[in-house]
Amino acid sequence: MLPYIAQPRIALGPVTIYAFGVLVAIAVLVGTEVARRRAVRIGLPAGEIDRMLTWVVLGGFLGGHVLDLLLYEPRTLLTDPWRVFRLWDGLGSFGGFVGAVAGAALYIWRRRPAHSWRQVDAIAYAFPFGWIFGRIGCALAFDHVGRATSFVLGQRYVDGVVRHNLGLEEALYTIVIAALFAVLGRRRRPPAFFTGLLALVYAPVRFALDALRVGDARYLGLTPAQYGSVLLAVVGVVLLVAIRGRDENDRVTLVPA
């Protein structure tokens, strides 16, 4: 059992800096750097990946905030509608995924890059390396509270009950994904390989972890993230089937030209 640890924070006059915010910033920096290195490794200009990353990160934060409010705290918008403009006040991971995909799609639609799937795949490859730090931030904030447990990684919560710290458990699983990607990334892969693989290996574990959550909104017995996990798994299967048998130089086309 892990003891309860209050989230570290530093007060600088009227501003308080929380460990969660610092770790999210580190997550963005690490993910960006890994994506750049992956882009160079597979022959893409670093500047090209930077432009897409800007759209992805902005879309991720916007989608993560807005969809978190709409799906998990819709009543908040009635009592405090201005909260929708406070982007730092509430973030949801699956809303972030939707926003990131929307940002990438808008970038591709506007700029028509020559190697769009390779850019997307470089970002997907980098995602777990940054996500580790984001989820460690969630673990320190203990903002993904799970059911009571006797699991060895259970942590005493503020209510005195030992519970699953789902942010911590997902961070540990993300380390496994990052290690797998590091091994598989030693050679070139077909476009969309890491995008499909990320969706497929992340979705079932996230679905299972969300089943342990307490206090989250549920629709027909499932959390919004569980519905998102099902969709994500389908996307992963479709992408991996689409690239089956292709080599690293093939293009990926999922819709008729």
Foldseek 3Di string as FASTA:
>chain_A
DAEQDAFDWDDDDPDIGTLLVVLLVVLLVQLLVQLLVLCVVLPHHSVVLVVLSVLLQVQLLLQQQQVQCVQWPVVCCVVPVCVNVVSVPGGHRLSSVVRNVVSLVVCCVVPVDPASLSSVLSSLLSNLVSVLSNLVSLLSNLPFWFDADPDPCFYQDPVRGGTDSLSVVVSVVSVVVNVVSVVVSPDAFARCLSVLVSLQVNLVVQLVSQLGGPPTDDDPSGGPSNVVSVVSNVSSVLSCVQCPPPGRPDDGDDDDD
